[in-house]
């Protein structure tokens, strides 16, 4: 059985609970999660929403998925977290740049 926790500053906790989920703070969620799935718009508040500070708090076994917007996850910090085995893995279908070449080549390389 999976426990689903949600951090969403725009939705009331009672609505989260009505859907069978548990509200949680961003920091507590990052510390607790086995999987993190990001569903945010990109704006000034969410740019680099996940960066070095958050990666330091995550379990080494966490898998991060960003299918929201590029720029929410700091790709340089993600690369460091992956290469230093601070997190288990990441799935991305978005990047902060539309360029599919450098500087993101290390993130799409099968060597990671």
PDB file of N, CA and C in Angstrom:
ATOM      1  N   UNK A   1       0.844  -1.175   0.000  1.00  0.00           N
ATOM      2  CA  UNK A   1       0.000   0.000   0.000  1.00  0.00           C
ATOM      3  C   UNK A   1       0.888   1.238   0.000  1.00  0.00           C
ATOM      4  N   UNK A   2       0.561   2.158  -0.882  1.00  0.00           N
ATOM      5  CA  UNK A   2       1.338   3.385  -0.987  1.00  0.00           C
ATOM      6  C   UNK A   2       0.656   4.515  -0.232  1.00  0.00           C
ATOM      7  N   UNK A   3       1.454   5.308   0.434  1.00  0.00           N
ATOM      8  CA  UNK A   3       0.965   6.543   1.039  1.00  0.00           C
ATOM      9  C   UNK A   3       1.302   7.663   0.077  1.00  0.00           C
ATOM     10  N   UNK A   4       0.300   8.439  -0.278  1.00  0.00           N
ATOM     11  CA  UNK A   4       0.520   9.541  -1.205  1.00  0.00           C
ATOM     12  C   UNK A   4       0.424  10.848  -0.428  1.00  0.00           C
ATOM     13  N   UNK A   5       1.534  11.572  -0.422  1.00  0.00           N
ATOM     14  CA  UNK A   5       1.616  12.859   0.246  1.00  0.00           C
ATOM     15  C   UNK A   5       1.654  13.940  -0.827  1.00  0.00           C
ATOM     16  N   UNK A   6       1.023  15.058  -0.535  1.00  0.00           N
ATOM     17  CA  UNK A   6       0.989  16.154  -1.499  1.00  0.00           C
ATOM     18  C   UNK A   6       1.381  17.456  -0.813  1.00  0.00           C
ATOM     19  N   UNK A   7       2.320  18.156  -1.465  1.00  0.00           N
ATOM     20  CA  UNK A   7       2.614  19.537  -1.081  1.00  0.00           C
ATOM     21  C   UNK A   7       2.048  20.417  -2.182  1.00  0.00           C
ATOM     22  N   UNK A   8       1.103  21.239  -1.835  1.00  0.00           N
ATOM     23  CA  UNK A   8       0.536  22.186  -2.790  1.00  0.00           C
ATOM     24  C   UNK A   8       0.069  23.416  -2.015  1.00  0.00           C
ATOM     25  N   UNK A   9       0.804  24.516  -2.136  1.00  0.00           N
ATOM     26  CA  UNK A   9       0.443  25.711  -1.372  1.00  0.00           C
ATOM     27  C   UNK A   9      -0.833  26.384  -1.861  1.00  0.00           C
ATOM     28  N   UNK A  10      -1.374  25.943  -2.993  1.00  0.00           N
ATOM     29  CA  UNK A  10      -2.551  26.583  -3.564  1.00  0.00           C
ATOM     30  C   UNK A  10      -3.847  25.813  -3.298  1.00  0.00           C
ATOM     31  N   UNK A  11      -3.751  24.615  -2.758  1.00  0.00           N
ATOM     32  CA  UNK A  11      -4.930  23.792  -2.500  1.00  0.00           C
ATOM     33  C   UNK A  11      -5.086  23.601  -0.998  1.00  0.00           C
ATOM     34  N   UNK A  12      -6.297  23.745  -0.511  1.00  0.00           N
ATOM     35  CA  UNK A  12      -6.558  23.552   0.907  1.00  0.00           C
ATOM     36  C   UNK A  12      -6.325  22.097   1.294  1.00  0.00           C
ATOM     37  N   UNK A  13      -5.797  21.886   2.496  1.00  0.00           N
ATOM     38  CA  UNK A  13      -5.505  20.532   2.984  1.00  0.00           C
ATOM     39  C   UNK A  13      -6.732  19.631   2.961  1.00  0.00           C
ATOM     40  N   UNK A  14      -7.904  20.173   3.261  1.00  0.00           N
ATOM     41  CA  UNK A  14      -9.100  19.336   3.288  1.00  0.00           C
ATOM     42  C   UNK A  14      -9.416  18.773   1.905  1.00  0.00           C
ATOM     43  N   UNK A  15      -9.099  19.499   0.855  1.00  0.00           N
ATOM     44  CA  UNK A  15      -9.312  18.997  -0.507  1.00  0.00           C
ATOM     45  C   UNK A  15      -8.332  17.863  -0.806  1.00  0.00           C
ATOM     46  N   UNK A  16      -7.092  18.020  -0.387  1.00  0.00           N
ATOM     47  CA  UNK A  16      -6.092  16.955  -0.557  1.00  0.00           C
ATOM     48  C   UNK A  16      -6.569  15.695   0.156  1.00  0.00           C
ATOM     49  N   UNK A  17      -7.058  15.849   1.380  1.00  0.00           N
ATOM     50  CA  UNK A  17      -7.525  14.718   2.178  1.00  0.00           C
ATOM     51  C   UNK A  17      -8.765  14.067   1.572  1.00  0.00           C
ATOM     52  N   UNK A  18      -9.643  14.862   0.974  1.00  0.00           N
ATOM     53  CA  UNK A  18     -10.850  14.321   0.331  1.00  0.00           C
ATOM     54  C   UNK A  18     -10.509  13.375  -0.810  1.00  0.00           C
ATOM     55  N   UNK A  19      -9.323  13.519  -1.370  1.00  0.00           N
ATOM     56  CA  UNK A  19      -8.881  12.656  -2.462  1.00  0.00           C
ATOM     57  C   UNK A  19      -8.013  11.489  -1.972  1.00  0.00           C
ATOM     58  N   UNK A  20      -8.026  11.248  -0.664  1.00  0.00           N
ATOM     59  CA  UNK A  20      -7.307  10.106  -0.109  1.00  0.00           C
ATOM     60  C   UNK A  20      -5.811  10.310   0.037  1.00  0.00           C
ATOM     61  N   UNK A  21      -5.376  11.544  -0.034  1.00  0.00           N
ATOM     62  CA  UNK A  21      -3.952  11.857   0.092  1.00  0.00           C
ATOM     63  C   UNK A  21      -3.709  12.594   1.402  1.00  0.00           C
ATOM     64  N   UNK A  22      -2.429  12.724   1.741  1.00  0.00           N
ATOM     65  CA  UNK A  22      -2.061  13.393   2.987  1.00  0.00           C
ATOM     66  C   UNK A  22      -1.265  14.657   2.674  1.00  0.00           C
ATOM     67  N   UNK A  23      -1.691  15.802   3.219  1.00  0.00           N
ATOM     68  CA  UNK A  23      -0.909  17.028   3.010  1.00  0.00           C
ATOM     69  C   UNK A  23       0.404  16.964   3.787  1.00  0.00           C
ATOM     70  N   UNK A  24       1.432  17.596   3.227  1.00  0.00           N
ATOM     71  CA  UNK A  24       2.753  17.593   3.859  1.00  0.00           C
ATOM     72  C   UNK A  24       3.482  18.865   3.449  1.00  0.00           C
ATOM     73  N   UNK A  25       4.431  19.301   4.248  1.00  0.00           N
ATOM     74  CA  UNK A  25       5.231  20.469   3.870  1.00  0.00           C
ATOM     75  C   UNK A  25       6.254  20.059   2.804  1.00  0.00           C
ATOM     76  N   UNK A  26       6.742  21.034   2.079  1.00  0.00           N
ATOM     77  CA  UNK A  26       7.737  20.749   1.038  1.00  0.00           C
ATOM     78  C   UNK A  26       8.956  20.043   1.635  1.00  0.00           C
ATOM     79  N   UNK A  27       9.502  20.585   2.704  1.00  0.00           N
ATOM     80  CA  UNK A  27      10.727  20.016   3.291  1.00  0.00           C
ATOM     81  C   UNK A  27      10.485  18.619   3.832  1.00  0.00           C
ATOM     82  N   UNK A  28       9.398  18.423   4.571  1.00  0.00           N
ATOM     83  CA  UNK A  28       9.112  17.085   5.113  1.00  0.00           C
ATOM     84  C   UNK A  28       8.866  16.087   3.993  1.00  0.00           C
ATOM     85  N   UNK A  29       8.180  16.519   2.942  1.00  0.00           N
ATOM     86  CA  UNK A  29       7.936  15.643   1.800  1.00  0.00           C
ATOM     87  C   UNK A  29       9.221  15.234   1.112  1.00  0.00           C
ATOM     88  N   UNK A  30      10.133  16.171   0.939  1.00  0.00           N
ATOM     89  CA  UNK A  30      11.417  15.875   0.296  1.00  0.00           C
ATOM     90  C   UNK A  30      12.223  14.889   1.139  1.00  0.00           C
ATOM     91  N   UNK A  31      12.176  15.024   2.440  1.00  0.00           N
ATOM     92  CA  UNK A  31      12.916  14.120   3.332  1.00  0.00           C
ATOM     93  C   UNK A  31      12.318  12.716   3.348  1.00  0.00           C
ATOM     94  N   UNK A  32      11.014  12.619   3.223  1.00  0.00           N
ATOM     95  CA  UNK A  32      10.297  11.360   3.387  1.00  0.00           C
ATOM     96  C   UNK A  32      10.142  10.550   2.098  1.00  0.00           C
ATOM     97  N   UNK A  33      10.079  11.207   0.977  1.00  0.00           N
ATOM     98  CA  UNK A  33       9.662  10.584  -0.278  1.00  0.00           C
ATOM     99  C   UNK A  33      10.605   9.510  -0.803  1.00  0.00           C
ATOM    100  N   UNK A  34       9.980   8.486  -1.373  1.00  0.00           N
ATOM    101  CA  UNK A  34      10.699   7.486  -2.160  1.00  0.00           C
ATOM    102  C   UNK A  34      10.663   7.890  -3.634  1.00  0.00           C
ATOM    103  N   UNK A  35       9.587   8.553  -4.016  1.00  0.00           N
ATOM    104  CA  UNK A  35       9.393   9.064  -5.375  1.00  0.00           C
ATOM    105  C   UNK A  35       8.859  10.491  -5.252  1.00  0.00           C
ATOM    106  N   UNK A  36       9.396  11.378  -6.081  1.00  0.00           N
ATOM    107  CA  UNK A  36       8.901  12.753  -6.129  1.00  0.00           C
ATOM    108  C   UNK A  36       8.491  13.036  -7.563  1.00  0.00           C
ATOM    109  N   UNK A  37       7.236  13.397  -7.745  1.00  0.00           N
ATOM    110  CA  UNK A  37       6.715  13.737  -9.057  1.00  0.00           C
ATOM    111  C   UNK A  37       6.300  15.208  -9.023  1.00  0.00           C
ATOM    112  N   UNK A  38       6.841  15.985  -9.948  1.00  0.00           N
ATOM    113  CA  UNK A  38       6.643  17.436  -9.936  1.00  0.00           C
ATOM    114  C   UNK A  38       5.586  17.836 -10.959  1.00  0.00           C
ATOM    115  N   UNK A  39       4.621  18.633 -10.485  1.00  0.00           N
ATOM    116  CA  UNK A  39       3.528  19.131 -11.333  1.00  0.00           C
ATOM    117  C   UNK A  39       3.293  20.594 -10.972  1.00  0.00           C
ATOM    118  N   UNK A  40       4.156  21.461 -11.458  1.00  0.00           N
ATOM    119  CA  UNK A  40       4.106  22.889 -11.118  1.00  0.00           C
ATOM    120  C   UNK A  40       4.213  23.738 -12.375  1.00  0.00           C
ATOM    121  N   UNK A  41       3.655  24.937 -12.341  1.00  0.00           N
ATOM    122  CA  UNK A  41       3.951  25.892 -13.411  1.00  0.00           C
ATOM    123  C   UNK A  41       5.335  26.493 -13.143  1.00  0.00           C
ATOM    124  N   UNK A  42       5.977  26.988 -14.166  1.00  0.00           N
ATOM    125  CA  UNK A  42       7.254  27.684 -13.975  1.00  0.00           C
ATOM    126  C   UNK A  42       6.964  29.172 -13.805  1.00  0.00           C
ATOM    127  N   UNK A  43       7.385  29.702 -12.672  1.00  0.00           N
ATOM    128  CA  UNK A  43       7.265  31.136 -12.418  1.00  0.00           C
ATOM    129  C   UNK A  43       8.399  31.534 -11.475  1.00  0.00           C
ATOM    130  N   UNK A  44       8.401  32.762 -11.007  1.00  0.00           N
ATOM    131  CA  UNK A  44       9.503  33.219 -10.158  1.00  0.00           C
ATOM    132  C   UNK A  44       9.573  32.435  -8.845  1.00  0.00           C
ATOM    133  N   UNK A  45       8.445  31.945  -8.354  1.00  0.00           N
ATOM    134  CA  UNK A  45       8.433  31.183  -7.101  1.00  0.00           C
ATOM    135  C   UNK A  45       8.885  29.739  -7.276  1.00  0.00           C
ATOM    136  N   UNK A  46       8.737  29.193  -8.492  1.00  0.00           N
ATOM    137  CA  UNK A  46       9.056  27.775  -8.690  1.00  0.00           C
ATOM    138  C   UNK A  46      10.357  27.545  -9.460  1.00  0.00           C
ATOM    139  N   UNK A  47      10.966  28.598  -9.991  1.00  0.00           N
ATOM    140  CA  UNK A  47      12.257  28.421 -10.673  1.00  0.00           C
ATOM    141  C   UNK A  47      13.275  27.892  -9.666  1.00  0.00           C
ATOM    142  N   UNK A  48      13.976  26.824 -10.028  1.00  0.00           N
ATOM    143  CA  UNK A  48      14.941  26.152  -9.143  1.00  0.00           C
ATOM    144  C   UNK A  48      14.277  25.689  -7.842  1.00  0.00           C
ATOM    145  N   UNK A  49      13.026  25.279  -7.925  1.00  0.00           N
ATOM    146  CA  UNK A  49      12.267  24.777  -6.781  1.00  0.00           C
ATOM    147  C   UNK A  49      12.972  23.570  -6.158  1.00  0.00           C
ATOM    148  N   UNK A  50      13.628  22.791  -7.024  1.00  0.00           N
ATOM    149  CA  UNK A  50      14.451  21.672  -6.565  1.00  0.00           C
ATOM    150  C   UNK A  50      15.886  21.982  -6.987  1.00  0.00           C
ATOM    151  N   UNK A  51      16.745  22.183  -5.996  1.00  0.00           N
ATOM    152  CA  UNK A  51      18.151  22.497  -6.270  1.00  0.00           C
ATOM    153  C   UNK A  51      19.017  21.813  -5.210  1.00  0.00           C
ATOM    154  N   UNK A  52      20.238  22.262  -5.081  1.00  0.00           N
ATOM    155  CA  UNK A  52      21.201  21.604  -4.189  1.00  0.00           C
ATOM    156  C   UNK A  52      20.652  21.391  -2.777  1.00  0.00           C
ATOM    157  N   UNK A  53      20.025  22.409  -2.209  1.00  0.00           N
ATOM    158  CA  UNK A  53      19.487  22.318  -0.852  1.00  0.00           C
ATOM    159  C   UNK A  53      18.512  21.144  -0.727  1.00  0.00           C
ATOM    160  N   UNK A  54      17.614  21.020  -1.686  1.00  0.00           N
ATOM    161  CA  UNK A  54      16.624  19.945  -1.647  1.00  0.00           C
ATOM    162  C   UNK A  54      17.268  18.584  -1.894  1.00  0.00           C
ATOM    163  N   UNK A  55      18.233  18.514  -2.820  1.00  0.00           N
ATOM    164  CA  UNK A  55      18.905  17.239  -3.070  1.00  0.00           C
ATOM    165  C   UNK A  55      19.642  16.744  -1.825  1.00  0.00           C
ATOM    166  N   UNK A  56      20.182  17.663  -1.054  1.00  0.00           N
ATOM    167  CA  UNK A  56      20.876  17.285   0.182  1.00  0.00           C
ATOM    168  C   UNK A  56      19.925  16.650   1.199  1.00  0.00           C
ATOM    169  N   UNK A  57      18.648  17.000   1.144  1.00  0.00           N
ATOM    170  CA  UNK A  57      17.666  16.487   2.098  1.00  0.00           C
ATOM    171  C   UNK A  57      17.042  15.159   1.669  1.00  0.00           C
ATOM    172  N   UNK A  58      17.154  14.822   0.398  1.00  0.00           N
ATOM    173  CA  UNK A  58      16.495  13.622  -0.132  1.00  0.00           C
ATOM    174  C   UNK A  58      17.190  12.341   0.294  1.00  0.00           C
ATOM    175  N   UNK A  59      16.419  11.263   0.325  1.00  0.00           N
ATOM    176  CA  UNK A  59      16.976   9.931   0.537  1.00  0.00           C
ATOM    177  C   UNK A  59      17.847   9.575  -0.663  1.00  0.00           C
ATOM    178  N   UNK A  60      18.865   8.770  -0.442  1.00  0.00           N
ATOM    179  CA  UNK A  60      19.696   8.325  -1.564  1.00  0.00           C
ATOM    180  C   UNK A  60      18.923   7.419  -2.515  1.00  0.00           C
ATOM    181  N   UNK A  61      17.838   6.859  -2.057  1.00  0.00           N
ATOM    182  CA  UNK A  61      17.036   5.941  -2.878  1.00  0.00           C
ATOM    183  C   UNK A  61      15.914   6.634  -3.650  1.00  0.00           C
ATOM    184  N   UNK A  62      15.777   7.951  -3.525  1.00  0.00           N
ATOM    185  CA  UNK A  62      14.665   8.653  -4.163  1.00  0.00           C
ATOM    186  C   UNK A  62      14.804   8.680  -5.684  1.00  0.00           C
ATOM    187  N   UNK A  63      13.654   8.655  -6.341  1.00  0.00           N
ATOM    188  CA  UNK A  63      13.593   8.855  -7.786  1.00  0.00           C
ATOM    189  C   UNK A  63      12.753  10.106  -8.019  1.00  0.00           C
ATOM    190  N   UNK A  64      13.313  11.043  -8.754  1.00  0.00           N
ATOM    191  CA  UNK A  64      12.683  12.328  -9.030  1.00  0.00           C
ATOM    192  C   UNK A  64      12.159  12.331 -10.461  1.00  0.00           C
ATOM    193  N   UNK A  65      10.906  12.741 -10.647  1.00  0.00           N
ATOM    194  CA  UNK A  65      10.317  12.835 -11.984  1.00  0.00           C
ATOM    195  C   UNK A  65       9.824  14.265 -12.192  1.00  0.00           C
ATOM    196  N   UNK A  66      10.299  14.889 -13.262  1.00  0.00           N
ATOM    197  CA  UNK A  66       9.811  16.221 -13.616  1.00  0.00           C
ATOM    198  C   UNK A  66       9.244  16.168 -15.027  1.00  0.00           C
ATOM    199  N   UNK A  67       7.933  16.212 -15.103  1.00  0.00           N
ATOM    200  CA  UNK A  67       7.270  16.292 -16.402  1.00  0.00           C
ATOM    201  C   UNK A  67       6.474  17.595 -16.490  1.00  0.00           C
ATOM    202  N   UNK A  68       6.819  18.544 -15.624  1.00  0.00           N
ATOM    203  CA  UNK A  68       6.089  19.818 -15.558  1.00  0.00           C
ATOM    204  C   UNK A  68       6.715  20.837 -16.504  1.00  0.00           C
ATOM    205  N   UNK A  69       7.717  21.528 -16.038  1.00  0.00           N
ATOM    206  CA  UNK A  69       8.389  22.574 -16.811  1.00  0.00           C
ATOM    207  C   UNK A  69       9.885  22.537 -16.530  1.00  0.00           C
ATOM    208  N   UNK A  70      10.675  22.824 -17.552  1.00  0.00           N
ATOM    209  CA  UNK A  70      12.098  22.974 -17.359  1.00  0.00           C
ATOM    210  C   UNK A  70      12.355  24.211 -16.527  1.00  0.00           C
ATOM    211  N   UNK A  71      13.401  24.160 -15.716  1.00  0.00           N
ATOM    212  CA  UNK A  71      13.736  25.293 -14.858  1.00  0.00           C
ATOM    213  C   UNK A  71      13.251  25.109 -13.436  1.00  0.00           C
ATOM    214  N   UNK A  72      12.312  24.191 -13.223  1.00  0.00           N
ATOM    215  CA  UNK A  72      11.856  23.905 -11.869  1.00  0.00           C
ATOM    216  C   UNK A  72      12.931  23.115 -11.127  1.00  0.00           C
ATOM    217  N   UNK A  73      13.587  22.211 -11.841  1.00  0.00           N
ATOM    218  CA  UNK A  73      14.720  21.465 -11.285  1.00  0.00           C
ATOM    219  C   UNK A  73      15.995  22.086 -11.846  1.00  0.00           C
ATOM    220  N   UNK A  74      16.908  22.434 -10.981  1.00  0.00           N
ATOM    221  CA  UNK A  74      18.194  22.969 -11.412  1.00  0.00           C
ATOM    222  C   UNK A  74      19.009  21.812 -11.984  1.00  0.00           C
ATOM    223  N   UNK A  75      19.217  21.811 -13.316  1.00  0.00           N
ATOM    224  CA  UNK A  75      19.864  20.679 -13.970  1.00  0.00           C
ATOM    225  C   UNK A  75      21.313  20.459 -13.535  1.00  0.00           C
ATOM    226  N   UNK A  76      22.021  21.535 -13.259  1.00  0.00           N
ATOM    227  CA  UNK A  76      23.402  21.401 -12.800  1.00  0.00           C
ATOM    228  C   UNK A  76      23.454  20.695 -11.443  1.00  0.00           C
ATOM    229  N   UNK A  77      22.566  21.090 -10.541  1.00  0.00           N
ATOM    230  CA  UNK A  77      22.508  20.454  -9.226  1.00  0.00           C
ATOM    231  C   UNK A  77      22.005  19.017  -9.335  1.00  0.00           C
ATOM    232  N   UNK A  78      21.091  18.769 -10.269  1.00  0.00           N
ATOM    233  CA  UNK A  78      20.621  17.399 -10.503  1.00  0.00           C
ATOM    234  C   UNK A  78      21.774  16.525 -10.985  1.00  0.00           C
ATOM    235  N   UNK A  79      22.560  17.036 -11.907  1.00  0.00           N
ATOM    236  CA  UNK A  79      23.710  16.287 -12.410  1.00  0.00           C
ATOM    237  C   UNK A  79      24.656  15.921 -11.261  1.00  0.00           C
ATOM    238  N   UNK A  80      24.943  16.896 -10.398  1.00  0.00           N
ATOM    239  CA  UNK A  80      25.797  16.630  -9.234  1.00  0.00           C
ATOM    240  C   UNK A  80      25.187  15.549  -8.341  1.00  0.00           C
ATOM    241  N   UNK A  81      23.900  15.652  -8.067  1.00  0.00           N
ATOM    242  CA  UNK A  81      23.231  14.674  -7.203  1.00  0.00           C
ATOM    243  C   UNK A  81      23.294  13.274  -7.795  1.00  0.00           C
ATOM    244  N   UNK A  82      23.140  13.172  -9.109  1.00  0.00           N
ATOM    245  CA  UNK A  82      23.190  11.860  -9.760  1.00  0.00           C
ATOM    246  C   UNK A  82      24.603  11.284  -9.782  1.00  0.00           C
ATOM    247  N   UNK A  83      25.573  12.112 -10.152  1.00  0.00           N
ATOM    248  CA  UNK A  83      26.947  11.600 -10.270  1.00  0.00           C
ATOM    249  C   UNK A  83      27.587  11.319  -8.924  1.00  0.00           C
ATOM    250  N   UNK A  84      27.107  11.965  -7.879  1.00  0.00           N
ATOM    251  CA  UNK A  84      27.628  11.720  -6.525  1.00  0.00           C
ATOM    252  C   UNK A  84      26.759  10.735  -5.754  1.00  0.00           C
ATOM    253  N   UNK A  85      25.822  10.083  -6.470  1.00  0.00           N
ATOM    254  CA  UNK A  85      24.916   9.090  -5.877  1.00  0.00           C
ATOM    255  C   UNK A  85      24.141   9.620  -4.680  1.00  0.00           C
ATOM    256  N   UNK A  86      23.776  10.897  -4.731  1.00  0.00           N
ATOM    257  CA  UNK A  86      22.951  11.474  -3.664  1.00  0.00           C
ATOM    258  C   UNK A  86      21.492  11.099  -3.845  1.00  0.00           C
ATOM    259  N   UNK A  87      21.095  10.790  -5.094  1.00  0.00           N
ATOM    260  CA  UNK A  87      19.761  10.273  -5.374  1.00  0.00           C
ATOM    261  C   UNK A  87      19.907   9.090  -6.328  1.00  0.00           C
ATOM    262  N   UNK A  88      18.874   8.246  -6.364  1.00  0.00           N
ATOM    263  CA  UNK A  88      18.949   7.030  -7.178  1.00  0.00           C
ATOM    264  C   UNK A  88      18.772   7.299  -8.664  1.00  0.00           C
ATOM    265  N   UNK A  89      17.837   8.188  -8.993  1.00  0.00           N
ATOM    266  CA  UNK A  89      17.596   8.430 -10.406  1.00  0.00           C
ATOM    267  C   UNK A  89      16.647   9.577 -10.641  1.00  0.00           C
ATOM    268  N   UNK A  90      16.506   9.926 -11.926  1.00  0.00           N
ATOM    269  CA  UNK A  90      15.615  11.014 -12.315  1.00  0.00           C
ATOM    270  C   UNK A  90      15.047  10.730 -13.687  1.00  0.00           C
ATOM    271  N   UNK A  91      13.806  11.123 -13.866  1.00  0.00           N
ATOM    272  CA  UNK A  91      13.162  11.050 -15.171  1.00  0.00           C
ATOM    273  C   UNK A  91      12.705  12.443 -15.562  1.00  0.00           C
ATOM    274  N   UNK A  92      13.195  12.911 -16.703  1.00  0.00           N
ATOM    275  CA  UNK A  92      12.863  14.265 -17.163  1.00  0.00           C
ATOM    276  C   UNK A  92      12.358  14.205 -18.593  1.00  0.00           C
ATOM    277  N   UNK A  93      11.319  14.970 -18.869  1.00  0.00           N
ATOM    278  CA  UNK A  93      10.973  15.168 -20.271  1.00  0.00           C
ATOM    279  C   UNK A  93      10.971  16.656 -20.604  1.00  0.00           C
ATOM    280  N   UNK A  94      11.557  17.441 -19.701  1.00  0.00           N
ATOM    281  CA  UNK A  94      11.667  18.881 -19.890  1.00  0.00           C
ATOM    282  C   UNK A  94      13.024  19.363 -19.393  1.00  0.00           C
ATOM    283  N   UNK A  95      13.537  20.390 -20.051  1.00  0.00           N
ATOM    284  CA  UNK A  95      14.781  21.034 -19.645  1.00  0.00           C
ATOM    285  C   UNK A  95      14.558  22.534 -19.634  1.00  0.00           C
ATOM    286  N   UNK A  96      15.445  23.278 -18.978  1.00  0.00           N
ATOM    287  CA  UNK A  96      15.289  24.729 -18.909  1.00  0.00           C
ATOM    288  C   UNK A  96      15.602  25.402 -20.238  1.00  0.00           C
ATOM    289  N   UNK A  97      16.268  24.704 -21.120  1.00  0.00           N
ATOM    290  CA  UNK A  97      16.581  25.232 -22.443  1.00  0.00           C
ATOM    291  C   UNK A  97      15.957  24.313 -23.489  1.00  0.00           C
ATOM    292  N   UNK A  98      15.578  24.881 -24.610  1.00  0.00           N
ATOM    293  CA  UNK A  98      15.034  24.053 -25.684  1.00  0.00           C
ATOM    294  C   UNK A  98      16.139  23.380 -26.489  1.00  0.00           C
ATOM    295  N   UNK A  99      17.375  23.778 -26.250  1.00  0.00           N
ATOM    296  CA  UNK A  99      18.510  23.156 -26.926  1.00  0.00           C
ATOM    297  C   UNK A  99      18.697  21.736 -26.405  1.00  0.00           C
ATOM    298  N   UNK A 100      18.782  20.778 -27.311  1.00  0.00           N
ATOM    299  CA  UNK A 100      18.918  19.380 -26.898  1.00  0.00           C
ATOM    300  C   UNK A 100      20.381  18.970 -26.773  1.00  0.00           C
ATOM    301  N   UNK A 101      21.281  19.905 -26.990  1.00  0.00           N
ATOM    302  CA  UNK A 101      22.697  19.606 -26.891  1.00  0.00           C
ATOM    303  C   UNK A 101      23.247  20.196 -25.595  1.00  0.00           C
ATOM    304  N   UNK A 102      24.562  20.339 -25.521  1.00  0.00           N
ATOM    305  CA  UNK A 102      25.176  20.912 -24.324  1.00  0.00           C
ATOM    306  C   UNK A 102      24.367  22.100 -23.841  1.00  0.00           C
ATOM    307  N   UNK A 103      24.279  22.392 -22.589  1.00  0.00           N
ATOM    308  CA  UNK A 103      25.017  21.810 -21.483  1.00  0.00           C
ATOM    309  C   UNK A 103      24.334  20.591 -20.857  1.00  0.00           C
ATOM    310  N   UNK A 104      23.258  20.071 -21.468  1.00  0.00           N
ATOM    311  CA  UNK A 104      22.505  18.992 -20.843  1.00  0.00           C
ATOM    312  C   UNK A 104      22.941  17.610 -21.299  1.00  0.00           C
ATOM    313  N   UNK A 105      23.918  17.515 -22.167  1.00  0.00           N
ATOM    314  CA  UNK A 105      24.385  16.223 -22.657  1.00  0.00           C
ATOM    315  C   UNK A 105      24.691  15.240 -21.526  1.00  0.00           C
ATOM    316  N   UNK A 106      25.306  15.682 -20.431  1.00  0.00           N
ATOM    317  CA  UNK A 106      25.555  14.719 -19.351  1.00  0.00           C
ATOM    318  C   UNK A 106      24.277  14.114 -18.763  1.00  0.00           C
ATOM    319  N   UNK A 107      23.178  14.851 -18.788  1.00  0.00           N
ATOM    320  CA  UNK A 107      21.933  14.328 -18.233  1.00  0.00           C
ATOM    321  C   UNK A 107      21.249  13.327 -19.144  1.00  0.00           C
ATOM    322  N   UNK A 108      21.533  13.378 -20.448  1.00  0.00           N
ATOM    323  CA  UNK A 108      20.892  12.440 -21.357  1.00  0.00           C
ATOM    324  C   UNK A 108      21.831  11.315 -21.773  1.00  0.00           C
ATOM    325  N   UNK A 109      23.006  11.320 -21.206  1.00  0.00           N
ATOM    326  CA  UNK A 109      23.987  10.295 -21.517  1.00  0.00           C
ATOM    327  C   UNK A 109      23.663   8.985 -20.814  1.00  0.00           C
ATOM    328  N   UNK A 110      23.820   7.851 -21.487  1.00  0.00           N
ATOM    329  CA  UNK A 110      23.576   6.556 -20.833  1.00  0.00           C
ATOM    330  C   UNK A 110      24.636   6.199 -19.794  1.00  0.00           C
ATOM    331  N   UNK A 111      25.669   7.036 -19.649  1.00  0.00           N
ATOM    332  CA  UNK A 111      26.711   6.748 -18.656  1.00  0.00           C
ATOM    333  C   UNK A 111      26.247   6.984 -17.236  1.00  0.00           C
ATOM    334  N   UNK A 112      25.164   7.731 -17.049  1.00  0.00           N
ATOM    335  CA  UNK A 112      24.687   8.011 -15.692  1.00  0.00           C
ATOM    336  C   UNK A 112      23.850   6.859 -15.214  1.00  0.00           C
TER     337      UNK A 112
END
